[in-house]
Protein backbone atom coordinates (compact mmCIF):
# COMPACT_ATOMS: atom_id res chain seq x y z
CA MET A 1 -55.51 -79.34 32.08
CA ASN A 2 -53.15 -81.21 29.78
CA ILE A 3 -54.06 -78.90 26.89
CA ARG A 4 -53.29 -75.88 29.06
CA LYS A 5 -49.91 -77.33 29.99
CA LYS A 6 -49.12 -77.95 26.34
CA ARG A 7 -50.05 -74.37 25.45
CA LEU A 8 -47.83 -73.03 28.21
CA THR A 9 -44.99 -75.24 27.02
CA LEU A 10 -45.29 -73.69 23.58
CA ILE A 11 -45.95 -70.09 24.63
CA LEU A 12 -43.32 -69.62 27.35
CA PRO A 13 -40.27 -70.17 25.10
CA VAL A 14 -41.71 -67.74 22.57
CA MET A 15 -42.32 -65.13 25.27
CA ALA A 16 -38.78 -65.63 26.57
CA ALA A 17 -37.33 -65.17 23.09
CA VAL A 18 -39.32 -61.98 22.52
CA PHE A 19 -38.21 -60.66 25.89
CA LEU A 20 -34.55 -61.31 25.06
CA ILE A 21 -34.90 -59.56 21.70
CA LEU A 22 -36.41 -56.50 23.37
CA LEU A 23 -33.60 -56.48 25.91
CA SER A 24 -30.97 -56.78 23.19
CA GLY A 25 -31.85 -53.38 21.81
CA CYS A 26 -32.11 -51.55 25.10
CA LEU A 27 -30.02 -52.73 28.01
CA PRO A 28 -26.36 -51.76 28.57
CA ILE A 29 -25.30 -55.42 28.44
CA THR A 30 -26.97 -56.10 25.15
CA CYS A 31 -26.41 -59.61 23.88
CA TRP A 32 -24.40 -62.79 24.01
CA LEU A 33 -21.64 -62.69 21.42
CA GLY A 34 -19.29 -65.60 20.84
CA GLY A 35 -19.33 -66.66 24.46
CA GLY A 36 -19.02 -63.13 25.88
CA LEU A 37 -21.28 -60.24 26.76
CA SER A 38 -21.47 -57.13 24.60
CA TYR A 39 -20.97 -54.03 26.73
CA PRO A 40 -21.96 -50.46 25.85
CA SER A 41 -19.82 -48.70 23.28
CA ILE A 42 -17.31 -46.31 24.81
CA PHE A 43 -18.35 -43.85 22.07
CA ARG A 44 -21.81 -43.72 20.51
CA PHE A 45 -23.22 -40.94 18.33
CA SER A 46 -26.86 -40.56 17.37
CA VAL A 47 -27.24 -38.20 14.40
CA LYS A 48 -30.42 -36.56 13.09
CA ASN A 49 -30.35 -35.49 9.43
CA LYS A 50 -32.56 -32.45 8.86
CA THR A 51 -30.96 -31.53 5.53
CA ASN A 52 -32.29 -32.33 2.07
CA SER A 53 -29.36 -34.61 1.26
CA GLU A 54 -28.23 -38.07 2.28
CA LEU A 55 -25.44 -38.00 4.86
CA THR A 56 -22.71 -40.50 5.72
CA VAL A 57 -21.37 -40.72 9.27
CA LYS A 58 -18.07 -42.45 10.03
CA LEU A 59 -16.58 -43.15 13.48
CA GLU A 60 -12.95 -44.17 14.01
CA VAL A 61 -11.49 -45.17 17.37
CA GLY A 62 -7.76 -45.01 17.93
CA GLU A 63 -4.91 -43.74 20.06
CA ILE A 64 -2.91 -40.53 20.29
CA PRO A 65 0.59 -40.07 21.75
CA SER A 66 -0.35 -37.02 23.85
CA PRO A 67 -3.43 -34.94 24.81
CA GLY A 68 -2.45 -32.20 22.33
CA ALA A 69 -1.34 -34.52 19.51
CA ARG A 70 -1.39 -33.50 15.86
CA TYR A 71 -4.34 -34.76 13.86
CA GLU A 72 -2.04 -36.89 11.70
CA ASP A 73 -0.76 -38.66 14.82
CA PHE A 74 -4.15 -40.27 15.46
CA THR A 75 -3.82 -44.02 14.80
CA PRO A 76 -6.91 -46.26 14.53
CA PHE A 77 -6.75 -49.50 16.51
CA PRO A 78 -6.30 -52.55 14.27
CA GLU A 79 -8.81 -55.34 13.78
CA GLU A 80 -6.61 -57.79 15.71
CA ILE A 81 -7.26 -55.90 18.96
CA TYR A 82 -11.00 -56.47 18.61
CA LYS A 83 -10.66 -60.13 17.60
CA LEU A 84 -8.29 -60.80 20.48
CA ALA A 85 -11.03 -59.76 22.89
CA ASN A 86 -13.87 -61.55 21.10
CA GLU A 87 -14.12 -63.14 17.66
CA ALA A 88 -17.52 -61.50 17.24
CA TYR A 89 -16.07 -58.00 17.63
CA SER A 90 -14.90 -55.90 14.69
CA ALA A 91 -13.15 -52.58 14.19
CA GLU A 92 -15.73 -51.71 11.49
CA GLN A 93 -18.93 -53.07 13.02
CA GLY A 94 -21.37 -50.25 13.68
CA THR A 95 -18.91 -47.48 12.82
CA ARG A 96 -20.54 -46.26 9.58
CA CYS A 97 -24.10 -45.34 8.67
CA VAL A 98 -25.96 -43.58 5.88
CA ILE A 99 -28.83 -41.33 6.96
CA LYS A 100 -31.63 -40.25 4.63
CA PRO A 101 -33.12 -36.74 4.90
CA GLY A 102 -35.46 -36.46 7.86
CA HIS A 103 -34.17 -39.62 9.54
CA ASN A 104 -31.77 -40.46 12.35
CA SER A 105 -29.28 -43.26 12.91
CA TYR A 106 -26.18 -43.91 14.98
CA VAL A 107 -22.61 -45.13 14.96
CA ARG A 108 -20.81 -46.93 17.79
CA THR A 109 -17.75 -49.07 18.44
CA ASP A 110 -16.94 -52.57 19.71
CA PHE A 111 -13.64 -51.37 21.19
CA PRO A 112 -13.03 -53.74 24.16
CA MET A 113 -12.14 -51.22 26.86
CA HIS A 114 -13.94 -53.14 29.60
CA TYR A 115 -11.62 -56.13 29.23
CA LEU A 116 -8.78 -54.09 30.73
CA SER A 117 -10.45 -54.19 34.14
CA TYR A 118 -10.65 -58.00 34.09
CA PRO A 119 -8.26 -59.98 36.34
CA GLU A 120 -5.39 -61.79 34.63
CA TYR A 121 -6.05 -64.94 36.64
CA GLU A 122 -9.16 -67.07 36.97
CA GLU A 123 -9.19 -69.81 39.60
CA GLY A 124 -5.41 -69.60 39.72
CA GLU A 125 -5.01 -69.97 35.95
CA LEU A 126 -3.47 -67.23 33.81
CA ILE A 127 -5.73 -65.86 31.04
CA PRO A 128 -3.36 -65.22 28.10
CA LYS A 129 -5.81 -63.07 26.10
CA ILE A 130 -6.34 -60.66 28.99
CA VAL A 131 -2.59 -60.42 29.53
CA GLU A 132 -2.05 -59.65 25.84
CA LEU A 133 -4.87 -57.10 25.71
CA LYS A 134 -3.47 -55.27 28.71
CA ALA A 135 0.00 -55.26 27.17
CA LYS A 136 -1.41 -53.66 24.02
CA LEU A 137 -3.96 -51.25 25.50
CA LEU A 138 -2.85 -50.11 28.97
CA ASN A 139 -1.10 -46.73 29.22
CA LYS A 140 -2.79 -45.46 26.06
CA LEU A 141 -4.86 -42.37 25.26
CA VAL A 142 -7.98 -43.78 23.58
CA THR A 143 -10.07 -41.36 21.52
CA PHE A 144 -11.98 -40.97 18.26
CA THR A 145 -12.76 -38.97 15.15
CA LEU A 146 -16.29 -38.54 13.82
CA THR A 147 -16.78 -37.40 10.23
CA ILE A 148 -20.10 -36.36 8.67
CA SER A 149 -20.06 -36.16 4.89
CA ARG A 150 -22.39 -35.29 2.01
CA GLY A 151 -21.09 -37.30 -0.91
CA GLU A 152 -17.36 -36.60 -1.12
CA GLU A 153 -17.69 -33.35 0.85
CA ILE A 154 -16.85 -33.33 4.57
CA ILE A 155 -19.35 -31.03 6.24
CA HIS A 156 -18.41 -31.63 9.89
CA ARG A 157 -15.63 -33.39 11.78
CA ILE A 158 -15.17 -33.85 15.53
CA ALA A 159 -11.96 -34.90 17.28
CA GLY A 160 -11.95 -36.32 20.79
CA TRP A 161 -8.73 -34.63 21.88
CA ASP A 162 -7.16 -31.16 21.92
CA VAL A 163 -6.11 -30.94 18.27
CA PRO A 164 -3.76 -27.97 17.58
CA ASP A 165 -5.59 -25.00 16.04
CA GLU A 166 -3.58 -25.15 12.81
CA ASP A 167 -4.59 -28.78 12.32
CA MET A 168 -8.25 -27.94 12.75
CA GLU A 169 -8.20 -25.86 9.58
CA ASN A 170 -5.84 -28.11 7.62
CA SER A 171 -7.68 -31.34 8.49
CA HIS A 172 -11.21 -29.91 8.46
CA VAL A 173 -11.79 -30.42 12.21
CA ASP A 174 -14.75 -28.33 13.37
CA GLU A 175 -14.87 -29.33 17.05
CA LYS A 176 -12.46 -30.95 19.49
CA MET A 177 -12.03 -32.26 23.04
CA TYR A 178 -15.24 -34.29 23.05
CA GLY A 179 -13.35 -36.91 25.01
CA TYR A 180 -10.49 -39.34 25.45
CA TYR A 181 -9.72 -42.09 27.94
CA ASP A 182 -6.37 -42.42 29.71
CA THR A 183 -5.78 -46.13 30.35
CA GLY A 184 -2.75 -45.56 32.58
CA GLU A 185 -2.64 -48.21 35.30
CA ASP A 186 -3.28 -45.66 38.06
CA ASN A 187 -6.38 -44.31 36.32
CA TRP A 188 -8.62 -47.26 37.13
CA ILE A 189 -8.77 -46.60 40.89
CA ASP A 190 -11.12 -43.86 42.07
CA ASP A 191 -10.72 -41.54 45.06
CA ASP A 192 -12.34 -44.11 47.36
CA GLY A 193 -9.85 -46.78 46.35
CA GLU A 194 -12.45 -48.66 44.29
CA GLU A 195 -11.42 -50.25 40.98
CA ARG A 196 -13.53 -49.01 38.08
CA MET A 197 -14.52 -50.83 34.89
CA TYR A 198 -13.46 -47.83 32.80
CA PRO A 199 -10.55 -45.39 33.35
CA LEU A 200 -10.47 -41.60 33.62
CA PHE A 201 -12.24 -39.76 30.83
CA TYR A 202 -11.30 -36.22 29.78
CA THR A 203 -13.83 -34.01 28.01
CA LYS A 204 -14.86 -30.38 27.73
CA ILE A 205 -18.54 -31.34 27.47
CA TRP A 206 -19.32 -31.94 31.16
CA ASN A 207 -17.89 -31.95 34.69
CA ASN A 208 -16.40 -28.48 34.03
CA GLY A 209 -13.64 -30.09 32.00
CA GLU A 210 -12.36 -32.07 34.99
CA PRO A 211 -11.46 -35.77 34.56
CA TYR A 212 -14.50 -37.98 34.82
CA TRP A 213 -14.73 -41.67 35.73
CA GLY A 214 -15.94 -43.10 32.43
CA SER A 215 -19.08 -45.20 32.50
CA GLY A 216 -18.41 -46.86 29.18
CA ALA A 217 -21.77 -45.62 27.88
CA THR A 218 -20.74 -42.21 26.57
CA ARG A 219 -23.39 -41.08 24.09
CA PHE A 220 -23.70 -37.88 22.09
CA TYR A 221 -26.70 -36.56 20.14
CA ILE A 222 -25.96 -34.42 17.08
CA ARG A 223 -28.44 -32.65 14.81
CA VAL A 224 -27.46 -31.60 11.30
CA ASP A 225 -29.73 -28.71 10.29
CA SER A 226 -27.60 -27.76 7.28
CA PRO A 227 -23.99 -28.20 6.11
CA ASP A 228 -23.19 -25.03 8.05
CA SER A 229 -25.21 -25.84 11.16
CA VAL A 230 -24.30 -28.99 13.11
CA ILE A 231 -25.36 -28.90 16.75
CA LEU A 232 -24.63 -31.05 19.80
CA THR A 233 -28.10 -31.21 21.34
CA GLY A 234 -27.38 -33.53 24.25
CA TYR A 235 -25.32 -36.29 25.79
CA ALA A 236 -25.64 -39.13 28.26
CA VAL A 237 -23.05 -40.76 30.49
CA ASP A 238 -25.11 -43.43 32.22
CA PHE A 239 -26.87 -46.69 31.43
CA ASP A 240 -30.25 -45.30 30.35
CA PHE A 241 -32.11 -47.11 27.58
CA TYR A 242 -31.15 -46.25 24.00
CA ASP A 243 -34.34 -44.64 22.71
CA ASP A 244 -33.02 -42.43 19.93
CA ASP A 245 -36.37 -42.13 18.16
CA GLY A 246 -37.99 -40.91 21.36
CA TYR A 247 -35.19 -38.46 21.95
CA TRP A 248 -35.39 -36.93 18.47
CA VAL A 249 -39.15 -36.43 18.69
CA SER A 250 -38.49 -33.58 21.13
CA HIS A 251 -35.17 -32.37 19.71
């Protein structure tokens, strides 16, 4: 009996650790980082490379002054925004990957959108970091650019907003309006008067182009068949498990 208890004492912590590791790669709230939880990326792209060359994928998250802004008016958010939310966050973490022929990988962002729905007071005490984050990030149009390259050659670029047609050719933008968030203070309350964790999301991809209440888990799946054939094969806007390998088996 004592031996059995000792075995359980040794085995249970190991089982718990394994369970947490498995959860860390799958669940929307993925891991404990510097005293805070890591929430799903507001933009995540899984890319399958079916070409014969190595590809580089780069994601940038930033703001634009208007829905139809020029490409050059896109401004990436600085590192300080990420660190203000959580010292473990980074503007660069997860935003670049290199994909070998026949393989898939993904890019994502630590951009702390979810912090904007947090209250500024806790137990009657003001939370300075939340106040500062809201001052910097509310009333912004938050979007992205995704660039797929082969060496120094850009083979495909996606913009999240309605880039002017002339800029698409000049800045090598192949697709646009994949999505942007409007963090205006009125855009966090839905039609039922409920406060949402993420604000209104605008995209041409789903909901017939109508504003959508962002889930914060916006994922796109892109297959690169050749430099001239890059296809959006699917998307997800919920908290399903991230099983990219399983997805690409059938796509």
